[in-house]
Amino acid sequence: MARGHQKIQSQQKNAKKAAEKKKGQAADQKTAAMAALVHTCPVCRTQMPDPKTFKQHFESKHPKSPMPPELVDVQA
């Protein structure tokens, strides 16, 4: 029954490798998502990925505040 013991060890080793790979992948996605957030709202400091989303956020959340100059000519 030596092969049975080797099989269990191999399965545990492969499960450990898969868990490490999955853990590393999640960190890469999180880092990429944070790097994509390049626009920051001057009023509430919320970060957005693109100017269109930023303008929509600003118009809906801060209608009484003056529009920042970088958003004036953006098409929403």
PDB file of N, CA and C in Angstrom:
ATOM      1  N   MET A   1       0.832  -1.193   0.000  1.00  0.00           N
ATOM      2  CA  MET A   1       0.000   0.000   0.000  1.00  0.00           C
ATOM      3  C   MET A   1       0.876   1.257   0.000  1.00  0.00           C
ATOM      4  N   ALA A   2       2.098   1.127  -0.457  1.00  0.00           N
ATOM      5  CA  ALA A   2       3.010   2.265  -0.512  1.00  0.00           C
ATOM      6  C   ALA A   2       2.489   3.334  -1.471  1.00  0.00           C
ATOM      7  N   ARG A   3       1.891   2.922  -2.575  1.00  0.00           N
ATOM      8  CA  ARG A   3       1.395   3.890  -3.551  1.00  0.00           C
ATOM      9  C   ARG A   3       0.256   4.719  -2.977  1.00  0.00           C
ATOM     10  N   GLY A   4      -0.556   4.138  -2.111  1.00  0.00           N
ATOM     11  CA  GLY A   4      -1.653   4.882  -1.485  1.00  0.00           C
ATOM     12  C   GLY A   4      -1.124   6.047  -0.664  1.00  0.00           C
ATOM     13  N   HIS A   5      -0.066   5.826   0.083  1.00  0.00           N
ATOM     14  CA  HIS A   5       0.534   6.888   0.887  1.00  0.00           C
ATOM     15  C   HIS A   5       1.163   7.967  -0.002  1.00  0.00           C
ATOM     16  N   GLN A   6       1.834   7.544  -1.065  1.00  0.00           N
ATOM     17  CA  GLN A   6       2.436   8.498  -2.002  1.00  0.00           C
ATOM     18  C   GLN A   6       1.358   9.329  -2.690  1.00  0.00           C
ATOM     19  N   LYS A   7       0.242   8.705  -3.001  1.00  0.00           N
ATOM     20  CA  LYS A   7      -0.858   9.402  -3.656  1.00  0.00           C
ATOM     21  C   LYS A   7      -1.407  10.509  -2.755  1.00  0.00           C
ATOM     22  N   ILE A   8      -1.591  10.205  -1.501  1.00  0.00           N
ATOM     23  CA  ILE A   8      -2.094  11.198  -0.547  1.00  0.00           C
ATOM     24  C   ILE A   8      -1.111  12.357  -0.405  1.00  0.00           C
ATOM     25  N   GLN A   9       0.184  12.033  -0.315  1.00  0.00           N
ATOM     26  CA  GLN A   9       1.199  13.077  -0.213  1.00  0.00           C
ATOM     27  C   GLN A   9       1.206  13.953  -1.461  1.00  0.00           C
ATOM     28  N   SER A  10       1.074  13.345  -2.623  1.00  0.00           N
ATOM     29  CA  SER A  10       1.066  14.084  -3.880  1.00  0.00           C
ATOM     30  C   SER A  10      -0.155  15.004  -3.955  1.00  0.00           C
ATOM     31  N   GLN A  11      -1.304  14.520  -3.535  1.00  0.00           N
ATOM     32  CA  GLN A  11      -2.511  15.340  -3.548  1.00  0.00           C
ATOM     33  C   GLN A  11      -2.375  16.528  -2.602  1.00  0.00           C
ATOM     34  N   GLN A  12      -1.797  16.314  -1.440  1.00  0.00           N
ATOM     35  CA  GLN A  12      -1.599  17.408  -0.501  1.00  0.00           C
ATOM     36  C   GLN A  12      -0.624  18.444  -1.056  1.00  0.00           C
ATOM     37  N   LYS A  13       0.439  17.966  -1.684  1.00  0.00           N
ATOM     38  CA  LYS A  13       1.434  18.859  -2.277  1.00  0.00           C
ATOM     39  C   LYS A  13       0.809  19.693  -3.393  1.00  0.00           C
ATOM     40  N   ASN A  14       0.019  19.047  -4.253  1.00  0.00           N
ATOM     41  CA  ASN A  14      -0.636  19.769  -5.344  1.00  0.00           C
ATOM     42  C   ASN A  14      -1.674  20.758  -4.828  1.00  0.00           C
ATOM     43  N   ALA A  15      -2.393  20.407  -3.783  1.00  0.00           N
ATOM     44  CA  ALA A  15      -3.373  21.320  -3.196  1.00  0.00           C
ATOM     45  C   ALA A  15      -2.680  22.551  -2.618  1.00  0.00           C
ATOM     46  N   LYS A  16      -1.523  22.333  -1.990  1.00  0.00           N
ATOM     47  CA  LYS A  16      -0.764  23.449  -1.423  1.00  0.00           C
ATOM     48  C   LYS A  16      -0.271  24.381  -2.530  1.00  0.00           C
ATOM     49  N   LYS A  17       0.236  23.816  -3.632  1.00  0.00           N
ATOM     50  CA  LYS A  17       0.697  24.627  -4.768  1.00  0.00           C
ATOM     51  C   LYS A  17      -0.459  25.427  -5.372  1.00  0.00           C
ATOM     52  N   ALA A  18      -1.619  24.783  -5.523  1.00  0.00           N
ATOM     53  CA  ALA A  18      -2.782  25.462  -6.097  1.00  0.00           C
ATOM     54  C   ALA A  18      -3.250  26.608  -5.203  1.00  0.00           C
ATOM     55  N   ALA A  19      -3.220  26.400  -3.883  1.00  0.00           N
ATOM     56  CA  ALA A  19      -3.625  27.448  -2.953  1.00  0.00           C
ATOM     57  C   ALA A  19      -2.672  28.635  -3.018  1.00  0.00           C
ATOM     58  N   GLU A  20      -1.375  28.377  -3.110  1.00  0.00           N
ATOM     59  CA  GLU A  20      -0.396  29.459  -3.216  1.00  0.00           C
ATOM     60  C   GLU A  20      -0.562  30.226  -4.519  1.00  0.00           C
ATOM     61  N   LYS A  21      -0.827  29.513  -5.598  1.00  0.00           N
ATOM     62  CA  LYS A  21      -1.018  30.155  -6.898  1.00  0.00           C
ATOM     63  C   LYS A  21      -2.269  31.035  -6.876  1.00  0.00           C
ATOM     64  N   LYS A  22      -3.340  30.516  -6.299  1.00  0.00           N
ATOM     65  CA  LYS A  22      -4.582  31.271  -6.225  1.00  0.00           C
ATOM     66  C   LYS A  22      -4.407  32.512  -5.348  1.00  0.00           C
ATOM     67  N   LYS A  23      -3.700  32.378  -4.247  1.00  0.00           N
ATOM     68  CA  LYS A  23      -3.458  33.498  -3.341  1.00  0.00           C
ATOM     69  C   LYS A  23      -2.649  34.592  -4.036  1.00  0.00           C
ATOM     70  N   GLY A  24      -1.637  34.217  -4.763  1.00  0.00           N
ATOM     71  CA  GLY A  24      -0.818  35.184  -5.487  1.00  0.00           C
ATOM     72  C   GLY A  24      -1.581  35.877  -6.589  1.00  0.00           C
ATOM     73  N   GLN A  25      -2.467  35.166  -7.237  1.00  0.00           N
ATOM     74  CA  GLN A  25      -3.255  35.739  -8.317  1.00  0.00           C
ATOM     75  C   GLN A  25      -4.210  36.805  -7.781  1.00  0.00           C
ATOM     76  N   ALA A  26      -4.818  36.578  -6.640  1.00  0.00           N
ATOM     77  CA  ALA A  26      -5.739  37.547  -6.053  1.00  0.00           C
ATOM     78  C   ALA A  26      -5.015  38.848  -5.731  1.00  0.00           C
ATOM     79  N   ALA A  27      -3.810  38.759  -5.239  1.00  0.00           N
ATOM     80  CA  ALA A  27      -3.041  39.954  -4.921  1.00  0.00           C
ATOM     81  C   ALA A  27      -2.719  40.732  -6.192  1.00  0.00           C
ATOM     82  N   ASP A  28      -2.408  40.050  -7.282  1.00  0.00           N
ATOM     83  CA  ASP A  28      -2.112  40.734  -8.534  1.00  0.00           C
ATOM     84  C   ASP A  28      -3.343  41.467  -9.055  1.00  0.00           C
ATOM     85  N   GLN A  29      -4.500  40.863  -8.972  1.00  0.00           N
ATOM     86  CA  GLN A  29      -5.731  41.509  -9.430  1.00  0.00           C
ATOM     87  C   GLN A  29      -6.049  42.730  -8.578  1.00  0.00           C
ATOM     88  N   LYS A  30      -5.835  42.612  -7.296  1.00  0.00           N
ATOM     89  CA  LYS A  30      -6.099  43.722  -6.396  1.00  0.00           C
ATOM     90  C   LYS A  30      -5.152  44.882  -6.679  1.00  0.00           C
ATOM     91  N   THR A  31      -3.888  44.571  -6.919  1.00  0.00           N
ATOM     92  CA  THR A  31      -2.902  45.596  -7.237  1.00  0.00           C
ATOM     93  C   THR A  31      -3.252  46.281  -8.548  1.00  0.00           C
ATOM     94  N   ALA A  32      -3.657  45.502  -9.544  1.00  0.00           N
ATOM     95  CA  ALA A  32      -4.033  46.066 -10.838  1.00  0.00           C
ATOM     96  C   ALA A  32      -5.270  46.954 -10.709  1.00  0.00           C
ATOM     97  N   ALA A  33      -6.222  46.538  -9.910  1.00  0.00           N
ATOM     98  CA  ALA A  33      -7.437  47.336  -9.722  1.00  0.00           C
ATOM     99  C   ALA A  33      -7.109  48.672  -9.042  1.00  0.00           C
ATOM    100  N   MET A  34      -6.224  48.636  -8.066  1.00  0.00           N
ATOM    101  CA  MET A  34      -5.844  49.875  -7.390  1.00  0.00           C
ATOM    102  C   MET A  34      -5.056  50.800  -8.316  1.00  0.00           C
ATOM    103  N   ALA A  35      -4.255  50.239  -9.194  1.00  0.00           N
ATOM    104  CA  ALA A  35      -3.483  51.055 -10.132  1.00  0.00           C
ATOM    105  C   ALA A  35      -4.390  51.711 -11.168  1.00  0.00           C
ATOM    106  N   ALA A  36      -5.535  51.093 -11.455  1.00  0.00           N
ATOM    107  CA  ALA A  36      -6.454  51.635 -12.452  1.00  0.00           C
ATOM    108  C   ALA A  36      -7.237  52.827 -11.920  1.00  0.00           C
ATOM    109  N   LEU A  37      -7.296  53.026 -10.623  1.00  0.00           N
ATOM    110  CA  LEU A  37      -8.036  54.137 -10.038  1.00  0.00           C
ATOM    111  C   LEU A  37      -7.152  55.379 -10.054  1.00  0.00           C
ATOM    112  N   VAL A  38      -7.263  56.165 -11.122  1.00  0.00           N
ATOM    113  CA  VAL A  38      -6.344  57.283 -11.308  1.00  0.00           C
ATOM    114  C   VAL A  38      -6.970  58.646 -11.043  1.00  0.00           C
ATOM    115  N   HIS A  39      -8.304  58.746 -11.053  1.00  0.00           N
ATOM    116  CA  HIS A  39      -8.975  60.033 -10.829  1.00  0.00           C
ATOM    117  C   HIS A  39      -9.533  60.072  -9.413  1.00  0.00           C
ATOM    118  N   THR A  40      -9.271  61.161  -8.694  1.00  0.00           N
ATOM    119  CA  THR A  40      -9.735  61.295  -7.324  1.00  0.00           C
ATOM    120  C   THR A  40     -10.646  62.507  -7.208  1.00  0.00           C
ATOM    121  N   CYS A  41     -11.810  62.301  -6.622  1.00  0.00           N
ATOM    122  CA  CYS A  41     -12.776  63.380  -6.422  1.00  0.00           C
ATOM    123  C   CYS A  41     -12.223  64.353  -5.385  1.00  0.00           C
ATOM    124  N   PRO A  42     -12.181  65.653  -5.698  1.00  0.00           N
ATOM    125  CA  PRO A  42     -11.632  66.616  -4.740  1.00  0.00           C
ATOM    126  C   PRO A  42     -12.542  66.842  -3.527  1.00  0.00           C
ATOM    127  N   VAL A  43     -13.823  66.499  -3.632  1.00  0.00           N
ATOM    128  CA  VAL A  43     -14.759  66.729  -2.538  1.00  0.00           C
ATOM    129  C   VAL A  43     -14.742  65.580  -1.532  1.00  0.00           C
ATOM    130  N   CYS A  44     -14.922  64.344  -2.022  1.00  0.00           N
ATOM    131  CA  CYS A  44     -15.054  63.203  -1.112  1.00  0.00           C
ATOM    132  C   CYS A  44     -13.872  62.238  -1.171  1.00  0.00           C
ATOM    133  N   ARG A  45     -12.897  62.485  -2.006  1.00  0.00           N
ATOM    134  CA  ARG A  45     -11.677  61.678  -2.155  1.00  0.00           C
ATOM    135  C   ARG A  45     -11.940  60.251  -2.639  1.00  0.00           C
ATOM    136  N   THR A  46     -13.062  60.037  -3.321  1.00  0.00           N
ATOM    137  CA  THR A  46     -13.341  58.739  -3.919  1.00  0.00           C
ATOM    138  C   THR A  46     -12.534  58.617  -5.203  1.00  0.00           C
ATOM    139  N   GLN A  47     -12.004  57.407  -5.458  1.00  0.00           N
ATOM    140  CA  GLN A  47     -11.193  57.200  -6.653  1.00  0.00           C
ATOM    141  C   GLN A  47     -12.017  56.510  -7.737  1.00  0.00           C
ATOM    142  N   MET A  48     -11.809  56.942  -8.992  1.00  0.00           N
ATOM    143  CA  MET A  48     -12.506  56.385 -10.140  1.00  0.00           C
ATOM    144  C   MET A  48     -11.517  56.040 -11.247  1.00  0.00           C
ATOM    145  N   PRO A  49     -11.864  55.069 -12.101  1.00  0.00           N
ATOM    146  CA  PRO A  49     -10.916  54.610 -13.124  1.00  0.00           C
ATOM    147  C   PRO A  49     -10.834  55.495 -14.361  1.00  0.00           C
ATOM    148  N   ASP A  50     -11.908  56.200 -14.723  1.00  0.00           N
ATOM    149  CA  ASP A  50     -11.864  56.980 -15.959  1.00  0.00           C
ATOM    150  C   ASP A  50     -12.630  58.295 -15.798  1.00  0.00           C
ATOM    151  N   PRO A  51     -12.392  59.256 -16.698  1.00  0.00           N
ATOM    152  CA  PRO A  51     -13.021  60.574 -16.569  1.00  0.00           C
ATOM    153  C   PRO A  51     -14.547  60.540 -16.718  1.00  0.00           C
ATOM    154  N   LYS A  52     -15.062  59.640 -17.545  1.00  0.00           N
ATOM    155  CA  LYS A  52     -16.512  59.558 -17.738  1.00  0.00           C
ATOM    156  C   LYS A  52     -17.207  59.188 -16.424  1.00  0.00           C
ATOM    157  N   THR A  53     -16.699  58.187 -15.749  1.00  0.00           N
ATOM    158  CA  THR A  53     -17.250  57.761 -14.455  1.00  0.00           C
ATOM    159  C   THR A  53     -17.080  58.878 -13.428  1.00  0.00           C
ATOM    160  N   PHE A  54     -15.947  59.538 -13.483  1.00  0.00           N
ATOM    161  CA  PHE A  54     -15.670  60.641 -12.559  1.00  0.00           C
ATOM    162  C   PHE A  54     -16.700  61.750 -12.735  1.00  0.00           C
ATOM    163  N   LYS A  55     -16.994  62.104 -13.982  1.00  0.00           N
ATOM    164  CA  LYS A  55     -17.966  63.175 -14.236  1.00  0.00           C
ATOM    165  C   LYS A  55     -19.366  62.758 -13.780  1.00  0.00           C
ATOM    166  N   GLN A  56     -19.757  61.518 -14.066  1.00  0.00           N
ATOM    167  CA  GLN A  56     -21.068  61.038 -13.615  1.00  0.00           C
ATOM    168  C   GLN A  56     -21.161  61.071 -12.090  1.00  0.00           C
ATOM    169  N   HIS A  57     -20.100  60.657 -11.420  1.00  0.00           N
ATOM    170  CA  HIS A  57     -20.060  60.694  -9.960  1.00  0.00           C
ATOM    171  C   HIS A  57     -20.209  62.127  -9.462  1.00  0.00           C
ATOM    172  N   PHE A  58     -19.458  63.023 -10.059  1.00  0.00           N
ATOM    173  CA  PHE A  58     -19.467  64.413  -9.591  1.00  0.00           C
ATOM    174  C   PHE A  58     -20.831  65.054  -9.787  1.00  0.00           C
ATOM    175  N   GLU A  59     -21.466  64.800 -10.946  1.00  0.00           N
ATOM    176  CA  GLU A  59     -22.785  65.379 -11.221  1.00  0.00           C
ATOM    177  C   GLU A  59     -23.856  64.826 -10.280  1.00  0.00           C
ATOM    178  N   SER A  60     -23.771  63.543  -9.924  1.00  0.00           N
ATOM    179  CA  SER A  60     -24.806  62.951  -9.079  1.00  0.00           C
ATOM    180  C   SER A  60     -24.572  63.188  -7.587  1.00  0.00           C
ATOM    181  N   LYS A  61     -23.336  63.168  -7.153  1.00  0.00           N
ATOM    182  CA  LYS A  61     -23.040  63.274  -5.721  1.00  0.00           C
ATOM    183  C   LYS A  61     -22.780  64.697  -5.239  1.00  0.00           C
ATOM    184  N   HIS A  62     -22.283  65.550  -6.113  1.00  0.00           N
ATOM    185  CA  HIS A  62     -21.912  66.911  -5.706  1.00  0.00           C
ATOM    186  C   HIS A  62     -22.496  67.949  -6.679  1.00  0.00           C
ATOM    187  N   PRO A  63     -23.823  68.002  -6.838  1.00  0.00           N
ATOM    188  CA  PRO A  63     -24.401  68.909  -7.844  1.00  0.00           C
ATOM    189  C   PRO A  63     -24.206  70.389  -7.525  1.00  0.00           C
ATOM    190  N   LYS A  64     -24.048  70.753  -6.254  1.00  0.00           N
ATOM    191  CA  LYS A  64     -23.901  72.161  -5.889  1.00  0.00           C
ATOM    192  C   LYS A  64     -22.459  72.645  -5.935  1.00  0.00           C
ATOM    193  N   SER A  65     -21.517  71.733  -6.000  1.00  0.00           N
ATOM    194  CA  SER A  65     -20.108  72.108  -6.055  1.00  0.00           C
ATOM    195  C   SER A  65     -19.730  72.483  -7.489  1.00  0.00           C
ATOM    196  N   PRO A  66     -18.791  73.408  -7.659  1.00  0.00           N
ATOM    197  CA  PRO A  66     -18.356  73.753  -9.014  1.00  0.00           C
ATOM    198  C   PRO A  66     -17.602  72.588  -9.668  1.00  0.00           C
ATOM    199  N   MET A  67     -17.829  72.408 -10.963  1.00  0.00           N
ATOM    200  CA  MET A  67     -17.201  71.313 -11.707  1.00  0.00           C
ATOM    201  C   MET A  67     -15.691  71.557 -11.834  1.00  0.00           C
ATOM    202  N   PRO A  68     -14.876  70.560 -11.525  1.00  0.00           N
ATOM    203  CA  PRO A  68     -13.435  70.725 -11.696  1.00  0.00           C
ATOM    204  C   PRO A  68     -13.089  70.982 -13.181  1.00  0.00           C
ATOM    205  N   PRO A  69     -12.059  71.753 -13.452  1.00  0.00           N
ATOM    206  CA  PRO A  69     -11.733  72.113 -14.840  1.00  0.00           C
ATOM    207  C   PRO A  69     -11.412  70.914 -15.738  1.00  0.00           C
ATOM    208  N   GLU A  70     -10.888  69.837 -15.186  1.00  0.00           N
ATOM    209  CA  GLU A  70     -10.550  68.677 -16.015  1.00  0.00           C
ATOM    210  C   GLU A  70     -11.793  67.920 -16.486  1.00  0.00           C
ATOM    211  N   LEU A  71     -12.965  68.212 -15.907  1.00  0.00           N
ATOM    212  CA  LEU A  71     -14.198  67.509 -16.287  1.00  0.00           C
ATOM    213  C   LEU A  71     -15.111  68.320 -17.184  1.00  0.00           C
ATOM    214  N   VAL A  72     -14.796  69.564 -17.438  1.00  0.00           N
ATOM    215  CA  VAL A  72     -15.680  70.432 -18.207  1.00  0.00           C
ATOM    216  C   VAL A  72     -15.938  69.914 -19.603  1.00  0.00           C
ATOM    217  N   ASP A  73     -14.920  69.443 -20.310  1.00  0.00           N
ATOM    218  CA  ASP A  73     -15.087  69.008 -21.702  1.00  0.00           C
ATOM    219  C   ASP A  73     -15.214  67.488 -21.864  1.00  0.00           C
ATOM    220  N   VAL A  74     -15.461  66.760 -20.785  1.00  0.00           N
ATOM    221  CA  VAL A  74     -15.626  65.302 -20.863  1.00  0.00           C
ATOM    222  C   VAL A  74     -17.064  64.968 -21.205  1.00  0.00           C
ATOM    223  N   GLN A  75     -17.264  64.072 -22.176  1.00  0.00           N
ATOM    224  CA  GLN A  75     -18.606  63.636 -22.550  1.00  0.00           C
ATOM    225  C   GLN A  75     -19.047  62.512 -21.635  1.00  0.00           C
ATOM    226  N   ALA A  76     -20.177  62.712 -20.944  1.00  0.00           N
ATOM    227  CA  ALA A  76     -20.670  61.680 -20.014  1.00  0.00           C
ATOM    228  C   ALA A  76     -21.761  60.841 -20.641  1.00  0.00           C
TER     229      ALA A  76
END
